[in-house]
Amino acid sequence: FVANYCAATWENNNNTLPCPGVEDDDEGFVIQLNSPKMENG
């Protein structure tokens, strides 16, 4: 699902979202992170 995430259609409550998205977009966003830092650090 990560490698093909931009093959998916991403939407919020009423609009289609771009892929990849823009971080901190209040409309919602999706981006790929390599080695993301989880909440336990």
ModelCIF file with pLDDT and N, C-alpha, C, O atoms, coordinates in Angstrom:
data_MODEL
#
_entry.id   MODEL 
#
_entity.id                         1 
_entity.type                       polymer 
_entity.pdbx_number_of_molecules   1 
#
_entity_poly.entity_id                      1 
_entity_poly.type                           'polypeptide(L)' 
_entity_poly.nstd_linkage                   no 
_entity_poly.nstd_monomer                   no 
_entity_poly.pdbx_seq_one_letter_code       FVANYCAATWENNNNTLPCPGVEDDDEGFVIQLNSPKMENG 
_entity_poly.pdbx_seq_one_letter_code_can   FVANYCAATWENNNNTLPCPGVEDDDEGFVIQLNSPKMENG 
_entity_poly.pdbx_strand_id                 A 
#
loop_
_entity_poly_seq.entity_id 
_entity_poly_seq.num 
_entity_poly_seq.mon_id 
_entity_poly_seq.hetero 
1 1  PHE n 
1 2  VAL n 
1 3  ALA n 
1 4  ASN n 
1 5  TYR n 
1 6  CYS n 
1 7  ALA n 
1 8  ALA n 
1 9  THR n 
1 10 TRP n 
1 11 GLU n 
1 12 ASN n 
1 13 ASN n 
1 14 ASN n 
1 15 ASN n 
1 16 THR n 
1 17 LEU n 
1 18 PRO n 
1 19 CYS n 
1 20 PRO n 
1 21 GLY n 
1 22 VAL n 
1 23 GLU n 
1 24 ASP n 
1 25 ASP n 
1 26 ASP n 
1 27 GLU n 
1 28 GLY n 
1 29 PHE n 
1 30 VAL n 
1 31 ILE n 
1 32 GLN n 
1 33 LEU n 
1 34 ASN n 
1 35 SER n 
1 36 PRO n 
1 37 LYS n 
1 38 MET n 
1 39 GLU n 
1 40 ASN n 
1 41 GLY n 
#
_struct_asym.id          A 
_struct_asym.entity_id   1 
#
loop_
_ma_qa_metric.id 
_ma_qa_metric.mode 
_ma_qa_metric.name 
_ma_qa_metric.software_group_id 
_ma_qa_metric.type 
1 global pLDDT . pLDDT 
2 local  pLDDT . pLDDT 
#
_ma_qa_metric_global.metric_id      1 
_ma_qa_metric_global.metric_value   95.54 
_ma_qa_metric_global.model_id       1 
_ma_qa_metric_global.ordinal_id     1 
#
loop_
_ma_qa_metric_local.label_asym_id 
_ma_qa_metric_local.label_comp_id 
_ma_qa_metric_local.label_seq_id 
_ma_qa_metric_local.metric_id 
_ma_qa_metric_local.metric_value 
_ma_qa_metric_local.model_id 
_ma_qa_metric_local.ordinal_id 
A PHE 1  2 98.00 1 1  
A VAL 2  2 98.00 1 2  
A ALA 3  2 98.00 1 3  
A ASN 4  2 98.00 1 4  
A TYR 5  2 98.00 1 5  
A CYS 6  2 98.00 1 6  
A ALA 7  2 98.00 1 7  
A ALA 8  2 98.00 1 8  
A THR 9  2 98.00 1 9  
A TRP 10 2 98.00 1 10 
A GLU 11 2 97.00 1 11 
A ASN 12 2 95.00 1 12 
A ASN 13 2 91.00 1 13 
A ASN 14 2 89.00 1 14 
A ASN 15 2 93.00 1 15 
A THR 16 2 96.00 1 16 
A LEU 17 2 97.00 1 17 
A PRO 18 2 97.00 1 18 
A CYS 19 2 97.00 1 19 
A PRO 20 2 97.00 1 20 
A GLY 21 2 97.00 1 21 
A VAL 22 2 95.00 1 22 
A GLU 23 2 93.00 1 23 
A ASP 24 2 89.00 1 24 
A ASP 25 2 93.00 1 25 
A ASP 26 2 92.00 1 26 
A GLU 27 2 94.00 1 27 
A GLY 28 2 95.00 1 28 
A PHE 29 2 97.00 1 29 
A VAL 30 2 98.00 1 30 
A ILE 31 2 98.00 1 31 
A GLN 32 2 98.00 1 32 
A LEU 33 2 97.00 1 33 
A ASN 34 2 96.00 1 34 
A SER 35 2 93.00 1 35 
A PRO 36 2 95.00 1 36 
A LYS 37 2 95.00 1 37 
A MET 38 2 94.00 1 38 
A GLU 39 2 93.00 1 39 
A ASN 40 2 93.00 1 40 
A GLY 41 2 93.00 1 41 
#
loop_
_atom_site.group_PDB 
_atom_site.id 
_atom_site.type_symbol 
_atom_site.label_atom_id 
_atom_site.label_alt_id 
_atom_site.label_comp_id 
_atom_site.label_asym_id 
_atom_site.label_entity_id 
_atom_site.label_seq_id 
_atom_site.pdbx_PDB_ins_code 
_atom_site.Cartn_x 
_atom_site.Cartn_y 
_atom_site.Cartn_z 
_atom_site.occupancy 
_atom_site.B_iso_or_equiv 
_atom_site.pdbx_formal_charge 
_atom_site.auth_seq_id 
_atom_site.auth_comp_id 
_atom_site.auth_asym_id 
_atom_site.auth_atom_id 
_atom_site.pdbx_PDB_model_num 
ATOM 1   N N  . PHE A 1 1  ? 0.821   -1.217 0.000  1.00 98.00 ? 1  PHE A N  1 
ATOM 2   C CA . PHE A 1 1  ? 0.000   0.000  0.000  1.00 98.00 ? 1  PHE A CA 1 
ATOM 3   C C  . PHE A 1 1  ? 0.853   1.265  0.000  1.00 98.00 ? 1  PHE A C  1 
ATOM 4   O O  . PHE A 1 1  ? 0.396   2.310  -0.462 1.00 98.00 ? 1  PHE A O  1 
ATOM 5   N N  . VAL A 1 2  ? 2.080   1.191  0.507  1.00 98.00 ? 2  VAL A N  1 
ATOM 6   C CA . VAL A 1 2  ? 2.947   2.368  0.509  1.00 98.00 ? 2  VAL A CA 1 
ATOM 7   C C  . VAL A 1 2  ? 3.489   2.621  -0.894 1.00 98.00 ? 2  VAL A C  1 
ATOM 8   O O  . VAL A 1 2  ? 3.420   3.740  -1.401 1.00 98.00 ? 2  VAL A O  1 
ATOM 9   N N  . ALA A 1 3  ? 4.028   1.572  -1.516 1.00 98.00 ? 3  ALA A N  1 
ATOM 10  C CA . ALA A 1 3  ? 4.615   1.741  -2.848 1.00 98.00 ? 3  ALA A CA 1 
ATOM 11  C C  . ALA A 1 3  ? 3.575   2.193  -3.870 1.00 98.00 ? 3  ALA A C  1 
ATOM 12  O O  . ALA A 1 3  ? 3.927   2.829  -4.863 1.00 98.00 ? 3  ALA A O  1 
ATOM 13  N N  . ASN A 1 4  ? 2.297   1.875  -3.643 1.00 98.00 ? 4  ASN A N  1 
ATOM 14  C CA . ASN A 1 4  ? 1.242   2.205  -4.608 1.00 98.00 ? 4  ASN A CA 1 
ATOM 15  C C  . ASN A 1 4  ? 0.289   3.267  -4.077 1.00 98.00 ? 4  ASN A C  1 
ATOM 16  O O  . ASN A 1 4  ? -0.853  3.351  -4.529 1.00 98.00 ? 4  ASN A O  1 
ATOM 17  N N  . TYR A 1 5  ? 0.744   4.084  -3.116 1.00 98.00 ? 5  TYR A N  1 
ATOM 18  C CA . TYR A 1 5  ? -0.229  4.958  -2.454 1.00 98.00 ? 5  TYR A CA 1 
ATOM 19  C C  . TYR A 1 5  ? -0.774  6.038  -3.375 1.00 98.00 ? 5  TYR A C  1 
ATOM 20  O O  . TYR A 1 5  ? -1.901  6.494  -3.179 1.00 98.00 ? 5  TYR A O  1 
ATOM 21  N N  . CYS A 1 6  ? -0.009  6.455  -4.368 1.00 98.00 ? 6  CYS A N  1 
ATOM 22  C CA . CYS A 1 6  ? -0.550  7.472  -5.275 1.00 98.00 ? 6  CYS A CA 1 
ATOM 23  C C  . CYS A 1 6  ? -1.378  6.869  -6.403 1.00 98.00 ? 6  CYS A C  1 
ATOM 24  O O  . CYS A 1 6  ? -1.916  7.591  -7.242 1.00 98.00 ? 6  CYS A O  1 
ATOM 25  N N  . ALA A 1 7  ? -1.479  5.516  -6.417 1.00 98.00 ? 7  ALA A N  1 
ATOM 26  C CA . ALA A 1 7  ? -2.434  4.878  -7.323 1.00 98.00 ? 7  ALA A CA 1 
ATOM 27  C C  . ALA A 1 7  ? -3.830  4.903  -6.715 1.00 98.00 ? 7  ALA A C  1 
ATOM 28  O O  . ALA A 1 7  ? -4.812  4.601  -7.393 1.00 98.00 ? 7  ALA A O  1 
ATOM 29  N N  . ALA A 1 8  ? -3.918  5.260  -5.443 1.00 98.00 ? 8  ALA A N  1 
ATOM 30  C CA . ALA A 1 8  ? -5.217  5.351  -4.760 1.00 98.00 ? 8  ALA A CA 1 
ATOM 31  C C  . ALA A 1 8  ? -5.805  6.741  -4.936 1.00 98.00 ? 8  ALA A C  1 
ATOM 32  O O  . ALA A 1 8  ? -5.090  7.704  -5.216 1.00 98.00 ? 8  ALA A O  1 
ATOM 33  N N  . THR A 1 9  ? -7.116  6.831  -4.766 1.00 98.00 ? 9  THR A N  1 
ATOM 34  C CA . THR A 1 9  ? -7.825  8.115  -4.787 1.00 98.00 ? 9  THR A CA 1 
ATOM 35  C C  . THR A 1 9  ? -8.032  8.552  -3.348 1.00 98.00 ? 9  THR A C  1 
ATOM 36  O O  . THR A 1 9  ? -8.704  7.872  -2.573 1.00 98.00 ? 9  THR A O  1 
ATOM 37  N N  . TRP A 1 10 ? -7.440  9.713  -2.990 1.00 98.00 ? 10 TRP A N  1 
ATOM 38  C CA . TRP A 1 10 ? -7.500  10.205 -1.612 1.00 98.00 ? 10 TRP A CA 1 
ATOM 39  C C  . TRP A 1 10 ? -8.504  11.350 -1.521 1.00 98.00 ? 10 TRP A C  1 
ATOM 40  O O  . TRP A 1 10 ? -8.516  12.260 -2.349 1.00 98.00 ? 10 TRP A O  1 
ATOM 41  N N  . GLU A 1 11 ? -9.344  11.277 -0.492 1.00 97.00 ? 11 GLU A N  1 
ATOM 42  C CA . GLU A 1 11 ? -10.412 12.272 -0.327 1.00 97.00 ? 11 GLU A CA 1 
ATOM 43  C C  . GLU A 1 11 ? -10.547 12.640 1.147  1.00 97.00 ? 11 GLU A C  1 
ATOM 44  O O  . GLU A 1 11 ? -10.215 11.853 2.033  1.00 97.00 ? 11 GLU A O  1 
ATOM 45  N N  . ASN A 1 12 ? -11.046 13.861 1.393  1.00 95.00 ? 12 ASN A N  1 
ATOM 46  C CA . ASN A 1 12 ? -11.453 14.242 2.748  1.00 95.00 ? 12 ASN A CA 1 
ATOM 47  C C  . ASN A 1 12 ? -12.970 14.211 2.811  1.00 95.00 ? 12 ASN A C  1 
ATOM 48  O O  . ASN A 1 12 ? -13.597 13.474 2.050  1.00 95.00 ? 12 ASN A O  1 
ATOM 49  N N  . ASN A 1 13 ? -13.571 14.981 3.687  1.00 91.00 ? 13 ASN A N  1 
ATOM 50  C CA . ASN A 1 13 ? -15.026 14.929 3.858  1.00 91.00 ? 13 ASN A CA 1 
ATOM 51  C C  . ASN A 1 13 ? -15.781 15.288 2.591  1.00 91.00 ? 13 ASN A C  1 
ATOM 52  O O  . ASN A 1 13 ? -16.884 14.788 2.370  1.00 91.00 ? 13 ASN A O  1 
ATOM 53  N N  . ASN A 1 14 ? -15.195 16.165 1.733  1.00 89.00 ? 14 ASN A N  1 
ATOM 54  C CA . ASN A 1 14 ? -15.966 16.589 0.563  1.00 89.00 ? 14 ASN A CA 1 
ATOM 55  C C  . ASN A 1 14 ? -15.122 16.883 -0.672 1.00 89.00 ? 14 ASN A C  1 
ATOM 56  O O  . ASN A 1 14 ? -15.664 17.335 -1.680 1.00 89.00 ? 14 ASN A O  1 
ATOM 57  N N  . ASN A 1 15 ? -13.825 16.645 -0.626 1.00 93.00 ? 15 ASN A N  1 
ATOM 58  C CA . ASN A 1 15 ? -12.980 16.984 -1.767 1.00 93.00 ? 15 ASN A CA 1 
ATOM 59  C C  . ASN A 1 15 ? -11.947 15.889 -2.013 1.00 93.00 ? 15 ASN A C  1 
ATOM 60  O O  . ASN A 1 15 ? -11.602 15.116 -1.120 1.00 93.00 ? 15 ASN A O  1 
ATOM 61  N N  . THR A 1 16 ? -11.462 15.850 -3.267 1.00 96.00 ? 16 THR A N  1 
ATOM 62  C CA . THR A 1 16 ? -10.352 14.976 -3.619 1.00 96.00 ? 16 THR A CA 1 
ATOM 63  C C  . THR A 1 16 ? -9.051  15.671 -3.237 1.00 96.00 ? 16 THR A C  1 
ATOM 64  O O  . THR A 1 16 ? -8.901  16.877 -3.434 1.00 96.00 ? 16 THR A O  1 
ATOM 65  N N  . LEU A 1 17 ? -8.126  14.914 -2.699 1.00 97.00 ? 17 LEU A N  1 
ATOM 66  C CA . LEU A 1 17 ? -6.857  15.454 -2.236 1.00 97.00 ? 17 LEU A CA 1 
ATOM 67  C C  . LEU A 1 17 ? -5.740  15.076 -3.192 1.00 97.00 ? 17 LEU A C  1 
ATOM 68  O O  . LEU A 1 17 ? -5.795  14.020 -3.823 1.00 97.00 ? 17 LEU A O  1 
ATOM 69  N N  . PRO A 1 18 ? -4.721  15.930 -3.306 1.00 97.00 ? 18 PRO A N  1 
ATOM 70  C CA . PRO A 1 18 ? -3.593  15.597 -4.179 1.00 97.00 ? 18 PRO A CA 1 
ATOM 71  C C  . PRO A 1 18 ? -2.733  14.499 -3.551 1.00 97.00 ? 18 PRO A C  1 
ATOM 72  O O  . PRO A 1 18 ? -2.741  14.303 -2.336 1.00 97.00 ? 18 PRO A O  1 
ATOM 73  N N  . CYS A 1 19 ? -1.998  13.794 -4.396 1.00 97.00 ? 19 CYS A N  1 
ATOM 74  C CA . CYS A 1 19 ? -1.059  12.770 -3.920 1.00 97.00 ? 19 CYS A CA 1 
ATOM 75  C C  . CYS A 1 19 ? 0.247   12.912 -4.707 1.00 97.00 ? 19 CYS A C  1 
ATOM 76  O O  . CYS A 1 19 ? 0.237   12.856 -5.937 1.00 97.00 ? 19 CYS A O  1 
ATOM 77  N N  . PRO A 1 20 ? 1.362   13.093 -4.007 1.00 97.00 ? 20 PRO A N  1 
ATOM 78  C CA . PRO A 1 20 ? 1.441   13.253 -2.551 1.00 97.00 ? 20 PRO A CA 1 
ATOM 79  C C  . PRO A 1 20 ? 0.874   14.581 -2.110 1.00 97.00 ? 20 PRO A C  1 
ATOM 80  O O  . PRO A 1 20 ? 0.793   15.536 -2.882 1.00 97.00 ? 20 PRO A O  1 
ATOM 81  N N  . GLY A 1 21 ? 0.475   14.620 -0.829 1.00 97.00 ? 21 GLY A N  1 
ATOM 82  C CA . GLY A 1 21 ? -0.079  15.842 -0.290 1.00 97.00 ? 21 GLY A CA 1 
ATOM 83  C C  . GLY A 1 21 ? 1.001   16.780 0.220  1.00 97.00 ? 21 GLY A C  1 
ATOM 84  O O  . GLY A 1 21 ? 2.197   16.518 0.086  1.00 97.00 ? 21 GLY A O  1 
ATOM 85  N N  . VAL A 1 22 ? 0.548   17.873 0.805  1.00 95.00 ? 22 VAL A N  1 
ATOM 86  C CA . VAL A 1 22 ? 1.446   18.881 1.381  1.00 95.00 ? 22 VAL A CA 1 
ATOM 87  C C  . VAL A 1 22 ? 1.277   18.828 2.889  1.00 95.00 ? 22 VAL A C  1 
ATOM 88  O O  . VAL A 1 22 ? 0.170   18.980 3.404  1.00 95.00 ? 22 VAL A O  1 
ATOM 89  N N  . GLU A 1 23 ? 2.374   18.615 3.590  1.00 93.00 ? 23 GLU A N  1 
ATOM 90  C CA . GLU A 1 23 ? 2.302   18.512 5.045  1.00 93.00 ? 23 GLU A CA 1 
ATOM 91  C C  . GLU A 1 23 ? 1.738   19.785 5.653  1.00 93.00 ? 23 GLU A C  1 
ATOM 92  O O  . GLU A 1 23 ? 2.014   20.889 5.184  1.00 93.00 ? 23 GLU A O  1 
ATOM 93  N N  . ASP A 1 24 ? 0.940   19.614 6.710  1.00 89.00 ? 24 ASP A N  1 
ATOM 94  C CA . ASP A 1 24 ? 0.268   20.689 7.445  1.00 89.00 ? 24 ASP A CA 1 
ATOM 95  C C  . ASP A 1 24 ? -0.885  21.308 6.667  1.00 89.00 ? 24 ASP A C  1 
ATOM 96  O O  . ASP A 1 24 ? -1.356  22.387 7.025  1.00 89.00 ? 24 ASP A O  1 
ATOM 97  N N  . ASP A 1 25 ? -1.349  20.645 5.607  1.00 93.00 ? 25 ASP A N  1 
ATOM 98  C CA . ASP A 1 25 ? -2.524  21.120 4.885  1.00 93.00 ? 25 ASP A CA 1 
ATOM 99  C C  . ASP A 1 25 ? -3.766  20.807 5.720  1.00 93.00 ? 25 ASP A C  1 
ATOM 100 O O  . ASP A 1 25 ? -4.036  19.643 6.015  1.00 93.00 ? 25 ASP A O  1 
ATOM 101 N N  . ASP A 1 26 ? -4.516  21.835 6.100  1.00 92.00 ? 26 ASP A N  1 
ATOM 102 C CA . ASP A 1 26 ? -5.706  21.634 6.934  1.00 92.00 ? 26 ASP A CA 1 
ATOM 103 C C  . ASP A 1 26 ? -6.808  20.864 6.227  1.00 92.00 ? 26 ASP A C  1 
ATOM 104 O O  . ASP A 1 26 ? -7.736  20.381 6.876  1.00 92.00 ? 26 ASP A O  1 
ATOM 105 N N  . GLU A 1 27 ? -6.722  20.743 4.911  1.00 94.00 ? 27 GLU A N  1 
ATOM 106 C CA . GLU A 1 27 ? -7.705  19.943 4.187  1.00 94.00 ? 27 GLU A CA 1 
ATOM 107 C C  . GLU A 1 27 ? -7.437  18.448 4.340  1.00 94.00 ? 27 GLU A C  1 
ATOM 108 O O  . GLU A 1 27 ? -8.268  17.616 3.978  1.00 94.00 ? 27 GLU A O  1 
ATOM 109 N N  . GLY A 1 28 ? -6.269  18.124 4.880  1.00 95.00 ? 28 GLY A N  1 
ATOM 110 C CA . GLY A 1 28 ? -5.860  16.729 5.010  1.00 95.00 ? 28 GLY A CA 1 
ATOM 111 C C  . GLY A 1 28 ? -4.785  16.410 3.998  1.00 95.00 ? 28 GLY A C  1 
ATOM 112 O O  . GLY A 1 28 ? -4.709  17.047 2.947  1.00 95.00 ? 28 GLY A O  1 
ATOM 113 N N  . PHE A 1 29 ? -3.955  15.434 4.303  1.00 97.00 ? 29 PHE A N  1 
ATOM 114 C CA . PHE A 1 29 ? -2.879  15.081 3.379  1.00 97.00 ? 29 PHE A CA 1 
ATOM 115 C C  . PHE A 1 29 ? -2.398  13.659 3.658  1.00 97.00 ? 29 PHE A C  1 
ATOM 116 O O  . PHE A 1 29 ? -2.631  13.095 4.727  1.00 97.00 ? 29 PHE A O  1 
ATOM 117 N N  . VAL A 1 30 ? -1.712  13.095 2.645  1.00 98.00 ? 30 VAL A N  1 
ATOM 118 C CA . VAL A 1 30 ? -1.047  11.805 2.774  1.00 98.00 ? 30 VAL A CA 1 
ATOM 119 C C  . VAL A 1 30 ? 0.326   11.929 2.126  1.00 98.00 ? 30 VAL A C  1 
ATOM 120 O O  . VAL A 1 30 ? 0.449   12.412 1.000  1.00 98.00 ? 30 VAL A O  1 
ATOM 121 N N  . ILE A 1 31 ? 1.360   11.489 2.844  1.00 98.00 ? 31 ILE A N  1 
ATOM 122 C CA . ILE A 1 31 ? 2.714   11.484 2.306  1.00 98.00 ? 31 ILE A CA 1 
ATOM 123 C C  . ILE A 1 31 ? 3.416   10.205 2.763  1.00 98.00 ? 31 ILE A C  1 
ATOM 124 O O  . ILE A 1 31 ? 3.055   9.599  3.772  1.00 98.00 ? 31 ILE A O  1 
ATOM 125 N N  . GLN A 1 32 ? 4.421   9.818  1.994  1.00 98.00 ? 32 GLN A N  1 
ATOM 126 C CA . GLN A 1 32 ? 5.220   8.655  2.359  1.00 98.00 ? 32 GLN A CA 1 
ATOM 127 C C  . GLN A 1 32 ? 6.402   9.097  3.204  1.00 98.00 ? 32 GLN A C  1 
ATOM 128 O O  . GLN A 1 32 ? 7.067   10.088 2.900  1.00 98.00 ? 32 GLN A O  1 
ATOM 129 N N  . LEU A 1 33 ? 6.656   8.336  4.288  1.00 97.00 ? 33 LEU A N  1 
ATOM 130 C CA . LEU A 1 33 ? 7.805   8.596  5.147  1.00 97.00 ? 33 LEU A CA 1 
ATOM 131 C C  . LEU A 1 33 ? 8.667   7.337  5.196  1.00 97.00 ? 33 LEU A C  1 
ATOM 132 O O  . LEU A 1 33 ? 8.168   6.247  5.477  1.00 97.00 ? 33 LEU A O  1 
ATOM 133 N N  . ASN A 1 34 ? 9.946   7.489  4.925  1.00 96.00 ? 34 ASN A N  1 
ATOM 134 C CA . ASN A 1 34 ? 10.884  6.384  5.062  1.00 96.00 ? 34 ASN A CA 1 
ATOM 135 C C  . ASN A 1 34 ? 11.427  6.379  6.490  1.00 96.00 ? 34 ASN A C  1 
ATOM 136 O O  . ASN A 1 34 ? 11.888  7.408  6.982  1.00 96.00 ? 34 ASN A O  1 
ATOM 137 N N  . SER A 1 35 ? 11.375  5.239  7.146  1.00 93.00 ? 35 SER A N  1 
ATOM 138 C CA . SER A 1 35 ? 11.789  5.102  8.548  1.00 93.00 ? 35 SER A CA 1 
ATOM 139 C C  . SER A 1 35 ? 11.107  6.152  9.426  1.00 93.00 ? 35 SER A C  1 
ATOM 140 O O  . SER A 1 35 ? 11.790  6.935  10.087 1.00 93.00 ? 35 SER A O  1 
ATOM 141 N N  . PRO A 1 36 ? 9.786   6.179  9.444  1.00 95.00 ? 36 PRO A N  1 
ATOM 142 C CA . PRO A 1 36 ? 9.080   7.186  10.253 1.00 95.00 ? 36 PRO A CA 1 
ATOM 143 C C  . PRO A 1 36 ? 9.324   6.970  11.740 1.00 95.00 ? 36 PRO A C  1 
ATOM 144 O O  . PRO A 1 36 ? 9.572   5.847  12.180 1.00 95.00 ? 36 PRO A O  1 
ATOM 145 N N  . LYS A 1 37 ? 9.254   8.049  12.511 1.00 95.00 ? 37 LYS A N  1 
ATOM 146 C CA . LYS A 1 37 ? 9.461   7.996  13.954 1.00 95.00 ? 37 LYS A CA 1 
ATOM 147 C C  . LYS A 1 37 ? 8.108   7.820  14.626 1.00 95.00 ? 37 LYS A C  1 
ATOM 148 O O  . LYS A 1 37 ? 7.221   8.666  14.509 1.00 95.00 ? 37 LYS A O  1 
ATOM 149 N N  . MET A 1 38 ? 7.970   6.703  15.333 1.00 94.00 ? 38 MET A N  1 
ATOM 150 C CA . MET A 1 38 ? 6.700   6.381  15.976 1.00 94.00 ? 38 MET A CA 1 
ATOM 151 C C  . MET A 1 38 ? 6.582   7.106  17.309 1.00 94.00 ? 38 MET A C  1 
ATOM 152 O O  . MET A 1 38 ? 7.531   7.745  17.764 1.00 94.00 ? 38 MET A O  1 
ATOM 153 N N  . GLU A 1 39 ? 5.410   7.004  17.930 1.00 93.00 ? 39 GLU A N  1 
ATOM 154 C CA . GLU A 1 39 ? 5.145   7.804  19.121 1.00 93.00 ? 39 GLU A CA 1 
ATOM 155 C C  . GLU A 1 39 ? 5.979   7.394  20.329 1.00 93.00 ? 39 GLU A C  1 
ATOM 156 O O  . GLU A 1 39 ? 6.083   8.149  21.296 1.00 93.00 ? 39 GLU A O  1 
ATOM 157 N N  . ASN A 1 40 ? 6.578   6.193  20.279 1.00 93.00 ? 40 ASN A N  1 
ATOM 158 C CA . ASN A 1 40 ? 7.471   5.805  21.372 1.00 93.00 ? 40 ASN A CA 1 
ATOM 159 C C  . ASN A 1 40 ? 8.890   6.312  21.155 1.00 93.00 ? 40 ASN A C  1 
ATOM 160 O O  . ASN A 1 40 ? 9.777   6.042  21.965 1.00 93.00 ? 40 ASN A O  1 
ATOM 161 N N  . GLY A 1 41 ? 9.108   7.046  20.066 1.00 93.00 ? 41 GLY A N  1 
ATOM 162 C CA . GLY A 1 41 ? 10.419  7.623  19.793 1.00 93.00 ? 41 GLY A CA 1 
ATOM 163 C C  . GLY A 1 41 ? 11.302  6.762  18.924 1.00 93.00 ? 41 GLY A C  1 
ATOM 164 O O  . GLY A 1 41 ? 12.433  7.143  18.624 1.00 93.00 ? 41 GLY A O  1 
#
